N, C-alpha and C. Protein backbone atom coordinates (compact mmCIF):
# COMPACT_ATOMS: atom_id res chain seq x y z
N MET A 1 79.29 98.83 162.93
CA MET A 1 78.80 97.64 161.54
C MET A 1 78.65 96.73 162.17
N PRO A 2 77.81 95.84 161.84
CA PRO A 2 76.52 94.80 162.37
C PRO A 2 77.87 93.29 162.22
N GLY A 3 77.45 92.84 163.65
CA GLY A 3 77.96 91.29 162.99
C GLY A 3 77.85 90.64 162.08
N ASP A 4 78.97 89.49 161.62
CA ASP A 4 78.23 89.03 160.92
C ASP A 4 77.74 87.82 161.20
N ASN A 5 77.68 87.16 162.21
CA ASN A 5 77.27 85.85 162.75
C ASN A 5 75.85 85.79 163.68
N ASP A 6 76.08 86.78 164.41
CA ASP A 6 75.20 86.80 165.08
C ASP A 6 73.91 88.06 165.28
N GLY A 7 74.34 89.30 164.88
CA GLY A 7 73.63 90.31 164.87
C GLY A 7 74.35 91.36 165.81
N GLY A 8 75.00 91.31 166.64
CA GLY A 8 75.64 92.14 167.26
C GLY A 8 76.54 93.10 166.11
N SER A 9 76.88 93.79 167.00
CA SER A 9 78.59 94.94 166.45
C SER A 9 79.17 95.69 167.38
N ILE A 10 79.85 95.90 166.79
CA ILE A 10 81.44 96.74 167.28
C ILE A 10 81.38 97.86 167.30
N LEU A 11 81.03 98.89 168.14
CA LEU A 11 81.27 99.92 168.46
C LEU A 11 82.67 100.57 168.81
N VAL A 12 82.86 101.54 168.03
CA VAL A 12 84.26 102.54 167.85
C VAL A 12 83.71 103.64 168.59
N LYS A 13 84.73 103.99 169.89
CA LYS A 13 84.68 104.91 170.62
C LYS A 13 85.67 105.99 170.33
N LEU A 14 86.16 105.88 168.96
CA LEU A 14 87.31 106.72 169.13
C LEU A 14 86.77 108.59 169.47
N ASP A 15 85.92 108.90 168.32
CA ASP A 15 85.32 110.18 169.10
C ASP A 15 85.42 110.53 170.41
N ASP A 16 85.14 109.59 171.22
CA ASP A 16 84.91 110.11 172.67
C ASP A 16 86.69 110.15 173.06
N LEU A 17 87.12 109.42 172.61
CA LEU A 17 88.58 109.23 173.28
C LEU A 17 89.58 110.51 172.56
N LEU A 18 89.28 110.83 171.60
CA LEU A 18 89.76 112.05 171.47
C LEU A 18 89.24 113.19 172.06
N HIS A 19 88.12 113.12 172.23
CA HIS A 19 87.75 114.47 172.45
C HIS A 19 87.97 114.77 173.84
N GLU A 20 87.95 113.23 174.85
CA GLU A 20 88.73 113.63 176.30
C GLU A 20 89.95 114.07 175.99
N ARG A 21 90.78 113.19 175.09
CA ARG A 21 92.31 114.30 174.98
C ARG A 21 92.38 115.22 174.19
N ARG A 22 91.23 115.99 173.80
CA ARG A 22 91.33 117.29 172.93
C ARG A 22 92.31 117.06 172.11
N MET A 23 92.36 115.93 171.15
CA MET A 23 93.18 115.81 170.45
C MET A 23 92.64 115.55 168.58
N THR A 24 92.44 116.01 167.79
CA THR A 24 91.78 115.83 166.34
C THR A 24 92.19 114.81 166.08
N LEU A 25 91.52 114.43 164.64
CA LEU A 25 91.39 113.05 163.90
C LEU A 25 92.49 113.25 162.92
N THR A 26 92.96 114.30 162.69
CA THR A 26 94.09 114.46 161.72
C THR A 26 95.33 114.54 162.70
N GLU A 27 95.46 115.08 163.71
CA GLU A 27 96.69 115.19 164.83
C GLU A 27 96.87 113.39 164.93
N LEU A 28 95.54 112.85 165.28
CA LEU A 28 96.21 111.01 165.49
C LEU A 28 96.63 110.59 164.39
N ALA A 29 96.12 110.82 162.81
CA ALA A 29 96.37 110.47 162.10
C ALA A 29 97.94 110.84 161.58
N GLU A 30 98.42 111.83 161.83
CA GLU A 30 99.85 111.86 161.99
C GLU A 30 100.53 111.03 162.69
N ARG A 31 100.09 111.32 163.92
CA ARG A 31 101.02 110.15 164.91
C ARG A 31 101.35 108.78 164.79
N VAL A 32 99.95 108.52 164.12
CA VAL A 32 100.16 106.94 164.02
C VAL A 32 100.25 106.24 162.36
N GLY A 33 100.64 107.58 161.98
CA GLY A 33 100.97 107.21 160.23
C GLY A 33 100.06 106.31 159.04
N LEU A 34 98.77 107.09 159.69
CA LEU A 34 97.48 106.66 158.64
C LEU A 34 97.04 107.75 157.73
N THR A 35 96.38 107.56 156.94
CA THR A 35 96.12 108.27 156.11
C THR A 35 94.43 109.14 157.11
N LEU A 36 93.92 110.07 157.05
CA LEU A 36 92.78 110.58 157.75
C LEU A 36 91.60 109.99 157.40
N ALA A 37 91.87 109.45 155.87
CA ALA A 37 90.34 108.75 155.46
C ALA A 37 90.18 107.49 156.00
N ASN A 38 91.44 106.98 156.26
CA ASN A 38 91.06 105.45 156.55
C ASN A 38 91.00 105.19 157.84
N LEU A 39 91.64 106.38 158.97
CA LEU A 39 91.44 106.69 160.31
C LEU A 39 89.68 107.27 160.62
N SER A 40 89.33 107.85 159.72
CA SER A 40 87.77 108.30 159.44
C SER A 40 86.89 107.36 159.12
N ILE A 41 87.39 106.36 158.32
CA ILE A 41 86.55 104.94 158.22
C ILE A 41 86.35 104.08 159.44
N LEU A 42 87.28 104.30 160.16
CA LEU A 42 87.44 103.23 161.35
C LEU A 42 86.39 104.44 162.56
N LYS A 43 86.90 105.40 162.75
CA LYS A 43 85.73 106.34 163.56
C LYS A 43 84.45 105.98 163.17
N THR A 44 84.09 106.49 162.07
CA THR A 44 82.41 106.23 161.88
C THR A 44 81.79 104.48 161.71
N GLY A 45 83.06 103.69 162.40
CA GLY A 45 82.57 102.43 162.48
C GLY A 45 82.17 101.49 161.05
N LYS A 46 82.74 102.00 160.01
CA LYS A 46 82.44 101.24 158.73
C LYS A 46 83.61 100.28 158.50
N ALA A 47 84.70 100.51 159.38
CA ALA A 47 86.08 99.40 159.08
C ALA A 47 85.40 97.88 159.42
N LYS A 48 85.74 97.31 158.30
CA LYS A 48 85.18 95.90 158.51
C LYS A 48 86.29 95.16 159.69
N ALA A 49 87.66 95.92 159.62
CA ALA A 49 88.95 95.04 160.37
C ALA A 49 89.86 96.06 160.82
N ILE A 50 90.76 95.65 161.56
CA ILE A 50 91.96 96.56 162.16
C ILE A 50 93.12 95.96 162.29
N ARG A 51 94.06 95.66 161.94
CA ARG A 51 95.31 95.31 162.24
C ARG A 51 95.73 95.88 163.57
N PHE A 52 96.28 94.45 164.32
CA PHE A 52 96.84 94.87 165.46
C PHE A 52 98.09 96.05 165.56
N SER A 53 98.39 96.31 164.75
CA SER A 53 99.70 96.80 164.84
C SER A 53 98.89 98.37 164.78
N THR A 54 97.80 98.59 163.94
CA THR A 54 97.44 99.70 163.89
C THR A 54 96.54 100.30 165.48
N LEU A 55 95.98 99.41 166.03
CA LEU A 55 95.46 99.29 167.03
C LEU A 55 96.24 99.47 168.07
N ALA A 56 97.69 98.82 168.34
CA ALA A 56 98.74 99.30 169.52
C ALA A 56 98.87 100.83 169.16
N ALA A 57 98.91 101.32 167.55
CA ALA A 57 99.94 102.66 167.78
C ALA A 57 98.19 103.44 167.95
N ILE A 58 97.15 103.38 167.98
CA ILE A 58 96.07 104.10 168.13
C ILE A 58 96.05 104.11 169.84
N CYS A 59 96.02 102.83 170.31
CA CYS A 59 96.60 103.02 171.57
C CYS A 59 97.39 103.36 172.66
N ARG A 60 98.34 103.68 172.32
CA ARG A 60 100.08 104.20 172.48
C ARG A 60 99.73 105.92 172.49
N GLU A 61 99.35 106.15 171.34
CA GLU A 61 98.96 108.10 171.27
C GLU A 61 97.84 108.10 172.12
N LEU A 62 97.12 107.59 172.47
CA LEU A 62 95.74 108.01 173.13
C LEU A 62 96.22 107.50 174.82
N ASP A 63 96.85 106.93 174.96
CA ASP A 63 97.33 106.51 176.20
C ASP A 63 95.45 105.46 177.00
N CYS A 64 95.27 104.69 176.04
CA CYS A 64 94.20 103.51 176.59
C CYS A 64 94.37 102.35 175.99
N GLN A 65 93.53 101.62 176.27
CA GLN A 65 93.73 99.94 175.96
C GLN A 65 92.41 99.80 175.09
N PRO A 66 93.02 98.61 174.40
CA PRO A 66 91.91 98.53 173.40
C PRO A 66 90.35 98.32 173.59
N GLY A 67 90.63 98.06 174.82
CA GLY A 67 88.55 97.88 175.53
C GLY A 67 88.02 99.35 175.64
N ASP A 68 89.51 100.58 175.59
CA ASP A 68 88.58 101.89 175.59
C ASP A 68 87.99 102.52 174.49
N LEU A 69 88.49 101.83 173.72
CA LEU A 69 88.27 102.03 171.91
C LEU A 69 87.27 101.13 171.44
N LEU A 70 87.47 99.89 172.15
CA LEU A 70 85.86 99.08 171.14
C LEU A 70 85.29 98.45 172.23
N ALA A 71 83.83 98.65 172.15
CA ALA A 71 83.08 97.70 172.78
C ALA A 71 81.71 96.96 171.88
N TYR A 72 81.43 95.88 172.68
CA TYR A 72 80.55 95.32 171.74
C TYR A 72 79.12 95.25 172.43
N ALA A 73 78.19 95.81 171.06
CA ALA A 73 76.79 95.67 171.96
C ALA A 73 76.18 94.45 171.10
N ASP A 74 75.95 93.98 172.54
CA ASP A 74 74.73 92.76 171.95
C ASP A 74 73.45 93.38 171.91
N PRO A 75 72.86 92.83 170.59
CA PRO A 75 71.08 93.57 170.60
C PRO A 75 70.62 92.54 171.66
N THR A 76 70.51 91.48 171.97
CA THR A 76 69.41 90.47 172.94
C THR A 76 69.50 91.05 174.08
N ALA A 77 70.77 91.95 174.58
CA ALA A 77 70.94 92.19 176.02
C ALA A 77 69.81 92.94 176.69
N GLY A 78 69.03 93.67 176.32
CA GLY A 78 67.71 93.99 176.64
C GLY A 78 66.91 93.53 177.02
N GLU A 79 67.13 92.38 176.83
CA GLU A 79 65.84 91.51 176.19
C GLU A 79 65.53 90.37 177.85
C-alpha cells in the first residue's frame, strides 16, 4: 500500500513466512482469532492499519519478529 506522505510503501511478507513454516492462511487465522477475509487483506498488502495485538499474535504463531513480517520499500533507494 502506498505511503501517504512520501511515496514509500509497507510490504507485508506474510506469504513468505507462511510458506517457510508450511502453514496455511486458514490455519493462521484460526490460531490468531481473525477472519480469513481480514487476514487475506493483510496478506495482499491492502490493509491500511494493523493492531499491535494482532501483530503480536501473528508473530507469536509464526515465531517471528515484526520486522520479519513488515518491510519499508523506499522508492528513492535506487536513485
